[in-house]
Protein backbone atom coordinates (compact mmCIF):
# COMPACT_ATOMS: atom_id res chain seq x y z
CA MET A 1 -52.34 39.52 -14.11
CA SER A 2 -49.69 41.65 -15.77
CA SER A 3 -47.91 40.44 -18.88
CA SER A 4 -44.57 40.42 -17.01
CA LYS A 5 -45.93 38.06 -14.34
CA ARG A 6 -47.44 35.74 -16.98
CA PHE A 7 -44.11 35.66 -18.79
CA ALA A 8 -42.24 34.79 -15.56
CA GLN A 9 -44.64 31.91 -14.77
CA LEU A 10 -44.34 30.58 -18.32
CA SER A 11 -40.54 30.67 -18.09
CA ILE A 12 -40.57 28.73 -14.81
CA SER A 13 -42.88 26.08 -16.31
CA ILE A 14 -40.65 25.62 -19.35
CA PHE A 15 -37.51 25.37 -17.19
CA SER A 16 -39.11 22.78 -14.90
CA ALA A 17 -40.19 20.64 -17.86
CA LEU A 18 -36.69 20.73 -19.33
CA ALA A 19 -35.09 19.77 -15.99
CA LEU A 20 -37.47 16.82 -15.62
CA SER A 21 -36.66 15.61 -19.12
CA VAL A 22 -32.92 15.72 -18.44
CA ALA A 23 -33.37 13.75 -15.19
CA VAL A 24 -35.42 11.04 -16.94
CA VAL A 25 -32.82 10.67 -19.70
CA ALA A 26 -30.03 10.37 -17.10
CA VAL A 27 -31.85 7.68 -15.14
CA ARG A 28 -32.60 5.67 -18.28
CA ALA A 29 -28.97 5.93 -19.37
CA GLN A 30 -27.81 4.53 -16.02
CA GLN A 31 -30.32 1.68 -16.18
CA ALA A 32 -29.54 0.74 -19.78
CA PRO A 33 -27.41 -2.38 -20.33
CA PRO A 34 -23.86 -1.84 -21.60
CA ALA A 35 -23.31 -1.87 -25.34
CA GLN A 36 -22.42 -5.20 -26.86
CA GLY A 37 -18.78 -5.97 -26.21
CA ALA A 38 -18.42 -3.24 -23.59
CA ALA A 39 -16.83 -4.10 -20.27
CA PRO A 40 -19.23 -4.01 -17.30
CA ALA A 41 -18.65 -1.51 -14.52
CA PRO A 42 -16.36 -3.03 -11.88
CA PRO A 43 -18.20 -4.15 -8.72
CA GLY A 44 -17.30 -3.49 -5.11
CA ASN A 45 -13.54 -3.41 -4.69
CA PHE A 46 -12.80 -1.84 -8.04
CA GLY A 47 -9.04 -1.74 -7.60
CA ALA A 48 -8.36 -5.10 -5.96
CA GLY A 49 -8.44 -7.56 -8.80
CA PRO A 50 -5.94 -7.96 -11.60
CA GLY A 51 -6.60 -6.10 -14.78
CA PRO A 52 -4.88 -4.62 -17.82
CA ALA A 53 -2.82 -1.50 -17.44
CA GLN A 54 -4.56 1.65 -18.62
CA ALA A 55 -2.60 3.51 -21.26
CA PRO A 56 -2.49 7.28 -20.67
CA GLY A 57 -4.92 9.00 -22.96
CA ALA A 58 -6.96 5.87 -23.63
CA PRO A 59 -10.75 6.19 -23.16
CA GLY A 60 -11.44 5.89 -19.45
CA ALA A 61 -7.75 5.90 -18.57
CA PRO A 62 -6.26 8.25 -15.98
CA GLY A 63 -5.97 11.70 -17.46
CA ALA A 64 -8.33 10.92 -20.34
CA GLY A 65 -11.81 12.28 -20.88
CA GLY A 66 -14.69 10.05 -19.88
CA ARG A 67 -16.44 8.63 -16.87
CA GLY A 68 -14.58 6.90 -14.09
CA PHE A 69 -15.90 3.57 -15.34
CA GLY A 70 -15.08 4.12 -18.99
CA GLY A 71 -17.45 6.17 -21.11
CA GLY A 72 -19.30 9.50 -21.05
CA GLY A 73 -18.19 12.64 -19.25
CA GLY A 74 -17.15 12.60 -15.61
CA ARG A 75 -14.45 12.78 -13.00
CA GLY A 76 -11.15 11.94 -14.61
CA GLY A 77 -10.70 8.31 -15.56
CA GLN A 78 -10.81 4.93 -13.93
CA ARG A 79 -9.68 3.87 -10.51
CA PRO A 80 -6.22 2.26 -10.94
CA THR A 81 -6.17 -1.53 -11.17
CA GLY A 82 -3.77 -3.91 -9.48
CA SER A 83 -1.78 -6.57 -11.33
CA PHE A 84 1.75 -7.76 -11.98
CA SER A 85 1.88 -5.73 -15.19
CA ALA A 86 -0.11 -2.66 -14.16
CA GLN A 87 1.16 0.76 -15.13
CA GLN A 88 2.73 2.23 -11.99
CA ILE A 89 2.73 6.00 -12.40
CA VAL A 90 -0.98 6.83 -12.44
CA PRO A 91 -3.05 9.35 -10.49
CA ALA A 92 -5.29 8.28 -7.64
CA TRP A 93 -8.98 8.09 -8.52
CA PRO A 94 -10.56 11.51 -7.76
CA TRP A 95 -13.52 10.00 -5.88
CA ASP A 96 -11.12 8.11 -3.59
CA VAL A 97 -9.08 11.27 -3.05
CA THR A 98 -12.18 13.22 -2.06
CA ALA A 99 -13.27 10.55 0.43
CA MET A 100 -9.74 10.40 1.84
CA GLU A 101 -9.60 14.16 2.26
CA ASP A 102 -12.82 14.08 4.28
CA ALA A 103 -11.22 11.54 6.65
CA LEU A 104 -7.85 13.25 7.20
CA PRO A 105 -6.84 14.19 10.76
CA ASP A 106 -7.03 17.89 11.57
CA LYS A 107 -3.77 18.18 13.47
CA ALA A 108 -0.54 16.38 14.24
CA TYR A 109 -0.12 14.32 17.40
CA ALA A 110 3.18 16.03 18.16
CA THR A 111 4.78 19.29 17.16
CA PRO A 112 7.69 18.54 14.81
CA LYS A 113 11.03 19.25 16.41
CA GLN A 114 12.07 20.82 13.11
CA PRO A 115 10.59 21.02 9.60
CA ARG A 116 10.29 17.43 8.42
CA LYS A 117 10.57 16.06 4.92
CA ILE A 118 9.63 12.53 3.87
CA LEU A 119 10.28 10.55 0.69
CA VAL A 120 7.45 8.23 -0.36
CA LEU A 121 8.84 5.38 -2.49
CA CYS A 122 6.16 3.79 -4.68
CA LYS A 123 8.29 1.36 -6.69
CA ALA A 124 6.75 -2.13 -6.93
CA ALA A 125 8.95 -4.81 -8.50
CA GLY A 126 6.32 -7.53 -7.98
CA PHE A 127 2.56 -7.05 -7.78
CA VAL A 128 1.51 -3.42 -8.33
CA HIS A 129 -1.23 -2.54 -5.86
CA SER A 130 -4.00 -0.28 -7.08
CA SER A 131 -3.92 1.66 -3.81
CA ILE A 132 -0.31 2.86 -4.23
CA PRO A 133 -1.14 6.28 -5.74
CA LEU A 134 -3.90 6.91 -3.17
CA ALA A 135 -1.59 6.01 -0.28
CA ALA A 136 1.04 8.41 -1.62
CA GLN A 137 -1.53 11.19 -2.04
CA THR A 138 -2.80 10.47 1.48
CA LEU A 139 0.64 10.98 2.99
CA LYS A 140 1.20 14.18 1.05
CA GLU A 141 -2.12 15.74 2.02
CA MET A 142 -1.86 14.49 5.60
CA GLY A 143 1.49 16.21 5.99
CA ASP A 144 0.26 19.39 4.35
CA LYS A 145 -2.92 19.59 6.43
CA THR A 146 -1.38 18.82 9.82
CA GLY A 147 1.99 20.49 9.27
CA ALA A 148 3.72 17.28 10.34
CA TRP A 149 5.91 17.00 7.22
CA SER A 150 6.34 17.91 3.57
CA THR A 151 6.38 15.15 0.98
CA THR A 152 8.24 14.06 -2.12
CA ILE A 153 6.75 11.14 -4.08
CA THR A 154 8.96 8.98 -6.29
CA TYR A 155 8.63 5.77 -8.27
CA ASP A 156 12.35 5.68 -9.01
CA PRO A 157 14.63 3.59 -6.74
CA ALA A 158 17.56 5.58 -8.13
CA ASP A 159 16.52 8.28 -5.64
CA ILE A 160 17.76 6.03 -2.83
CA THR A 161 21.33 7.29 -2.67
CA ALA A 162 23.37 8.54 0.25
CA ASP A 163 23.58 12.07 -1.17
CA ASN A 164 19.91 12.41 -2.09
CA LEU A 165 18.69 11.05 1.23
CA LYS A 166 20.50 13.76 3.21
CA GLN A 167 17.52 16.09 2.68
CA TYR A 168 14.94 13.66 4.14
CA ASP A 169 13.95 12.61 7.63
CA LEU A 170 11.98 9.48 6.70
CA ILE A 171 11.45 7.04 3.84
CA PHE A 172 7.94 5.64 3.46
CA LEU A 173 7.63 2.33 1.62
CA ASP A 174 4.29 2.48 -0.21
CA SER A 175 3.40 -1.18 -0.91
CA THR A 176 6.80 -1.81 -2.43
CA THR A 177 7.08 -5.41 -3.59
CA GLY A 178 9.83 -7.70 -4.80
CA GLN A 179 13.40 -6.49 -5.08
CA PHE A 180 12.25 -2.90 -5.33
CA LEU A 181 15.65 -1.25 -4.83
CA ASP A 182 17.71 -3.47 -7.10
CA ASP A 183 19.17 -2.58 -10.48
CA PRO A 184 19.05 -5.81 -12.51
CA ASN A 185 22.00 -4.64 -14.60
CA SER A 186 24.36 -3.49 -11.88
CA GLU A 187 25.57 -5.29 -8.79
CA GLU A 188 27.38 -2.14 -7.69
CA ILE A 189 24.33 0.13 -7.92
CA THR A 190 22.18 -2.43 -6.13
CA ALA A 191 24.67 -2.67 -3.27
CA GLU A 192 24.91 1.12 -2.99
CA ARG A 193 21.14 1.58 -2.81
CA ARG A 194 20.75 -1.13 -0.20
CA GLN A 195 23.51 0.28 1.96
CA ALA A 196 22.12 3.81 1.60
CA LEU A 197 18.75 2.66 2.96
CA LEU A 198 20.28 0.77 5.87
CA ASN A 199 22.61 3.62 6.81
CA PHE A 200 19.80 6.17 6.54
CA VAL A 201 17.79 4.39 9.23
CA ARG A 202 20.61 3.15 11.42
CA ASP A 203 22.16 6.61 11.60
CA GLY A 204 19.02 8.05 13.18
CA LYS A 205 16.39 8.65 10.50
CA GLY A 206 12.98 6.99 10.10
CA LEU A 207 11.39 4.23 8.03
CA ALA A 208 7.68 3.55 7.70
CA GLY A 209 5.84 1.12 5.48
CA ILE A 210 2.34 0.01 4.65
CA HIS A 211 0.86 -3.28 3.46
CA ALA A 212 3.19 -4.83 0.84
CA ALA A 213 6.30 -3.15 2.22
CA ILE A 214 6.92 -6.50 3.95
CA ASP A 215 6.15 -8.47 0.77
CA SER A 216 9.66 -7.71 -0.40
CA TYR A 217 12.97 -9.53 -0.51
CA HIS A 218 11.84 -13.09 0.03
CA THR A 219 11.53 -16.25 -2.05
CA ASN A 220 8.14 -17.28 -3.35
CA GLY A 221 7.41 -20.07 -0.90
CA GLY A 222 4.23 -20.65 -2.82
CA GLY A 223 2.64 -17.32 -1.92
CA GLY A 224 3.00 -13.57 -1.96
CA ARG A 225 3.02 -11.00 -4.69
CA GLY A 226 6.45 -9.58 -3.99
CA ARG A 227 8.39 -12.71 -4.75
CA GLY A 228 11.57 -12.43 -6.72
CA THR A 229 11.86 -14.28 -9.98
CA PRO A 230 14.18 -17.29 -9.76
CA GLY A 231 17.35 -16.57 -11.67
CA ALA A 232 16.51 -12.91 -12.28
CA ALA A 233 19.43 -10.55 -12.53
CA GLY A 234 19.99 -8.72 -9.29
CA ALA A 235 18.27 -11.41 -7.22
CA PRO A 236 20.41 -12.68 -4.33
CA GLY A 237 22.01 -15.93 -5.43
CA ALA A 238 21.43 -15.25 -9.11
CA PRO A 239 24.38 -14.86 -11.47
CA GLY A 240 25.59 -11.29 -11.28
CA ALA A 241 23.62 -10.54 -8.11
CA PRO A 242 25.17 -9.02 -4.99
CA GLY A 243 27.18 -11.67 -3.24
CA ALA A 244 27.00 -14.10 -6.15
CA PRO A 245 29.76 -15.06 -8.56
CA GLY A 246 29.64 -13.87 -12.14
CA ALA A 247 29.24 -10.58 -13.90
CA ALA A 248 25.91 -8.80 -14.15
CA ALA A 249 26.16 -8.93 -17.94
CA ALA A 250 26.02 -12.72 -17.78
CA ALA A 251 22.72 -12.78 -15.90
CA PRO A 252 19.80 -14.34 -17.78
CA PRO A 253 16.86 -12.13 -18.68
CA THR A 254 13.95 -11.95 -16.28
CA PRO A 255 11.10 -14.19 -17.49
CA PRO A 256 7.63 -12.66 -17.78
CA PRO A 257 5.59 -12.76 -14.54
CA ALA A 258 3.17 -15.30 -16.01
CA MET A 259 6.02 -17.73 -16.71
CA ALA A 260 7.50 -17.23 -13.25
CA MET A 261 4.10 -17.83 -11.63
CA ALA A 262 3.51 -20.96 -13.68
CA ALA A 263 6.77 -22.41 -12.39
CA ALA A 264 6.05 -21.44 -8.78
CA PRO A 265 4.99 -24.00 -6.19
CA ALA A 266 1.42 -24.08 -4.94
CA GLU A 267 0.62 -21.31 -2.47
CA GLY A 268 1.65 -22.19 1.06
CA SER A 269 3.36 -25.45 0.08
CA VAL A 270 6.83 -24.41 1.30
CA GLN A 271 8.14 -21.80 3.70
CA PRO A 272 9.46 -18.66 1.98
CA GLN A 273 12.97 -17.53 2.84
CA GLY A 274 14.32 -14.02 3.23
CA THR A 275 16.74 -12.83 0.55
CA TRP A 276 18.05 -9.65 2.22
CA PRO A 277 18.41 -10.45 5.93
CA ASP A 278 19.26 -6.89 7.01
CA PHE A 279 16.11 -5.52 5.40
CA ASN A 280 13.95 -8.41 6.58
CA THR A 281 15.05 -7.79 10.18
CA MET A 282 14.72 -4.01 9.89
CA VAL A 283 11.05 -4.12 8.84
CA GLY A 284 10.18 -6.92 11.27
CA GLY A 285 9.93 -9.92 8.95
CA PHE A 286 8.43 -10.93 5.63
CA PHE A 287 5.19 -12.12 4.08
CA LYS A 288 3.99 -15.70 3.77
CA PHE A 289 0.18 -15.71 3.30
CA HIS A 290 -2.80 -13.39 3.13
CA TRP A 291 -6.51 -13.64 3.66
CA THR A 292 -7.90 -12.13 0.47
CA TYR A 293 -10.07 -9.04 0.25
CA PRO A 294 -12.72 -8.61 1.61
CA GLN A 295 -11.86 -10.84 4.57
CA LEU A 296 -13.41 -9.56 7.81
CA ILE A 297 -10.80 -9.24 10.54
CA THR A 298 -11.21 -8.29 14.21
CA VAL A 299 -8.32 -6.03 15.18
CA LYS A 300 -7.06 -6.27 18.76
CA ILE A 301 -5.26 -3.35 20.42
CA ASP A 302 -2.15 -4.92 21.94
CA ASP A 303 -0.78 -1.74 23.48
CA PRO A 304 -3.72 0.54 24.38
CA LYS A 305 -1.39 2.87 26.30
CA SER A 306 0.73 3.73 23.27
CA PRO A 307 0.19 7.17 21.74
CA ILE A 308 0.21 5.41 18.37
CA THR A 309 -3.00 3.52 19.26
CA GLN A 310 -4.76 6.25 21.27
CA MET A 311 -7.32 6.82 18.50
CA PHE A 312 -8.75 3.31 19.09
CA HIS A 313 -9.43 4.02 22.79
CA GLY A 314 -8.47 0.43 23.65
CA GLN A 315 -11.48 -0.92 21.72
CA GLU A 316 -11.28 -3.71 19.17
CA PHE A 317 -12.68 -2.97 15.72
CA THR A 318 -13.39 -4.85 12.52
CA ILE A 319 -12.05 -4.18 9.05
CA HIS A 320 -12.42 -5.68 5.60
CA ASP A 321 -9.13 -5.86 3.74
CA GLU A 322 -6.48 -8.17 2.36
CA THR A 323 -4.71 -9.19 5.56
CA TYR A 324 -1.06 -10.23 5.50
CA THR A 325 0.63 -12.73 7.79
CA MET A 326 4.32 -13.13 8.53
CA GLN A 327 6.58 -16.12 7.99
CA GLN A 328 7.01 -17.98 11.28
CA ASP A 329 10.73 -17.50 11.86
CA SER A 330 10.99 -14.01 10.35
CA PHE A 331 8.64 -12.33 12.82
CA SER A 332 8.90 -12.38 16.60
CA ARG A 333 7.63 -10.18 19.41
CA LYS A 334 11.15 -10.46 20.78
CA ARG A 335 12.24 -8.11 17.97
CA VAL A 336 9.29 -5.71 17.63
CA HIS A 337 6.83 -3.81 19.79
CA VAL A 338 3.38 -4.90 18.66
CA LEU A 339 0.65 -2.26 18.50
CA THR A 340 -2.25 -4.19 16.97
CA SER A 341 -2.91 -7.77 15.89
CA ILE A 342 -5.64 -10.13 14.70
CA ASP A 343 -7.94 -11.36 17.46
CA TYR A 344 -7.48 -14.93 16.30
CA SER A 345 -9.98 -16.25 18.84
CA LYS A 346 -12.75 -14.40 16.98
CA MET A 347 -11.91 -15.89 13.59
CA SER A 348 -14.11 -18.73 12.40
CA ASP A 349 -12.69 -22.21 11.91
CA ALA A 350 -13.48 -21.92 8.22
CA ASP A 351 -11.42 -18.74 7.91
CA LYS A 352 -8.59 -20.18 9.97
CA ALA A 353 -8.51 -23.17 7.62
CA LYS A 354 -7.75 -20.88 4.67
CA GLU A 355 -4.18 -20.55 5.93
CA PRO A 356 -2.18 -23.41 4.33
CA ALA A 357 -1.31 -26.06 6.88
CA ALA A 358 2.27 -26.48 5.61
CA THR A 359 3.22 -22.90 6.50
CA LYS A 360 0.66 -22.12 9.22
CA ARG A 361 1.94 -20.17 12.20
CA THR A 362 2.09 -22.45 15.20
CA ASP A 363 1.81 -19.63 17.75
CA GLY A 364 -1.41 -18.02 16.49
CA ASP A 365 0.39 -14.67 16.53
CA TYR A 366 -0.74 -12.41 13.70
CA ALA A 367 0.53 -8.89 14.33
CA LEU A 368 -0.85 -6.10 12.15
CA SER A 369 1.18 -3.05 13.18
CA TRP A 370 4.36 -2.57 15.17
CA ILE A 371 7.34 -0.33 15.84
CA ARG A 372 10.99 -1.09 16.51
CA ARG A 373 14.40 0.51 16.84
CA GLU A 374 17.00 -0.03 14.15
CA GLY A 375 20.31 1.37 15.33
CA LYS A 376 19.62 5.01 16.15
CA GLY A 377 16.55 5.06 13.89
CA ARG A 378 12.90 4.06 14.19
CA VAL A 379 10.58 1.85 12.11
CA PHE A 380 6.77 1.76 11.89
CA ILE A 381 4.87 -0.90 9.91
CA GLU A 382 1.13 -1.27 9.20
CA LEU A 383 0.01 -4.39 7.30
CA HIS A 384 -3.44 -3.26 6.23
CA GLY A 385 -3.84 -0.81 3.37
CA HIS A 386 -4.52 -3.06 0.37
CA ASP A 387 -7.90 -1.59 -0.51
CA GLU A 388 -8.60 2.07 -1.16
CA HIS A 389 -11.33 2.32 1.47
CA VAL A 390 -8.73 1.84 4.22
CA TYR A 391 -7.48 5.35 3.37
CA GLN A 392 -10.99 6.67 3.99
CA MET A 393 -11.20 5.39 7.59
CA PRO A 394 -10.46 8.25 10.03
CA THR A 395 -9.00 6.07 12.79
CA MET A 396 -6.69 4.24 10.37
CA LEU A 397 -5.41 7.56 9.05
CA GLU A 398 -4.84 8.77 12.61
CA HIS A 399 -2.92 5.55 13.31
CA LEU A 400 -0.84 6.14 10.18
CA LEU A 401 -0.14 9.73 11.23
CA ALA A 402 0.92 8.77 14.75
CA GLY A 403 3.11 5.89 13.56
CA THR A 404 4.85 8.06 11.00
CA GLN A 405 5.46 10.79 13.57
CA TYR A 406 7.00 8.17 15.85
CA ALA A 407 9.32 7.04 13.05
CA LEU A 408 10.26 10.69 12.42
CA GLY A 409 11.29 11.00 16.06
CA ASP A 410 8.62 13.56 16.95
CA LEU A 411 6.21 11.32 18.90
CA LYS A 412 7.71 9.39 21.80
CA ALA A 413 6.44 5.84 22.32
CA ASP A 414 7.53 2.70 24.11
CA ASP A 415 9.30 0.69 21.43
CA ALA A 416 10.82 -2.03 23.61
CA PRO A 417 10.15 -5.53 22.23
CA SER A 418 6.81 -6.94 23.38
CA MET A 419 8.53 -10.10 24.64
CA LYS A 420 11.88 -10.57 26.29
């Protein structure tokens, strides 16, 4: 054998031995217990539970070096966490973005009548959902890939002004909670923002919302993460709030969320009440209770003929998510066209019993997505979307695309109320 061949074989042997050593070290590192005092890797639904906000630049934080679970090299920080005090402007977790991109629809359901532009509002004034940045990224990439729209993402409610909204065709409420439009220091600014949103839709534009968009502008009622704080400046009925006597300067400071929660009634003990009737009606109602993640829900297709549900082919499906329900009097099929709902007959008695008896719906009607007309404009709402994996389900993304195109005015659909 020539010396060159012997040298090549020796090189291959050395390389193979080195590769095997690296693999063994990697496996042992993964199997090793965490260092004393280190936080364990989050299980399952990494973004669902409450947790501390991640400071930019902190080890494991978004934008910092380190593994996604805090330590070592890797893919760009932790998955965002959800809590009442979570930092809001954070990037979506890269792994979630990759999975979402693989599930995106290839084309729009309708050709836009003109170039469309949407504004995704991510402001949460109550609970900050971990899925907010992923939902926003989903909408942006969905529009880019299908050509259905271009996207601007904002966390600033100050962008909701009559002048600024002239450039947009639709506002998308990305799990907004609480009094997300209000300026706690200005009754005038609050009123202007609210009126700008109402006029935008009623004059012929579109509104779409996902998950906690309906957990906004209502009293606590013993449940919900979008509840306003009693006595907070800018809250309807509070000193200095729109429609209330007194100057904004006289309003008491907002207590910390923990204090507000401690003073709140037990979940489901009293019926929540809407605090902005025009908004409550426009989006179809407001939140009262949710089955917590990862509740298994059977989704029924109420209108299998609608182009907004065509991706389900009339077939029920199951989903694990945090599933919202609507306050009894706020929601009615006489005011919305229901697309999908919970198949309540397939829910176990034990799961049904989780809904507090004091505020339980008496009609067993648990809609999950719907459309409606508001003046000359159109509204689409989808209640699921709490957990990040929902944005990795192809049919749910197709449903979101079709519903948003309806609200833009590009996809025609029967939006007459489901009941007369």
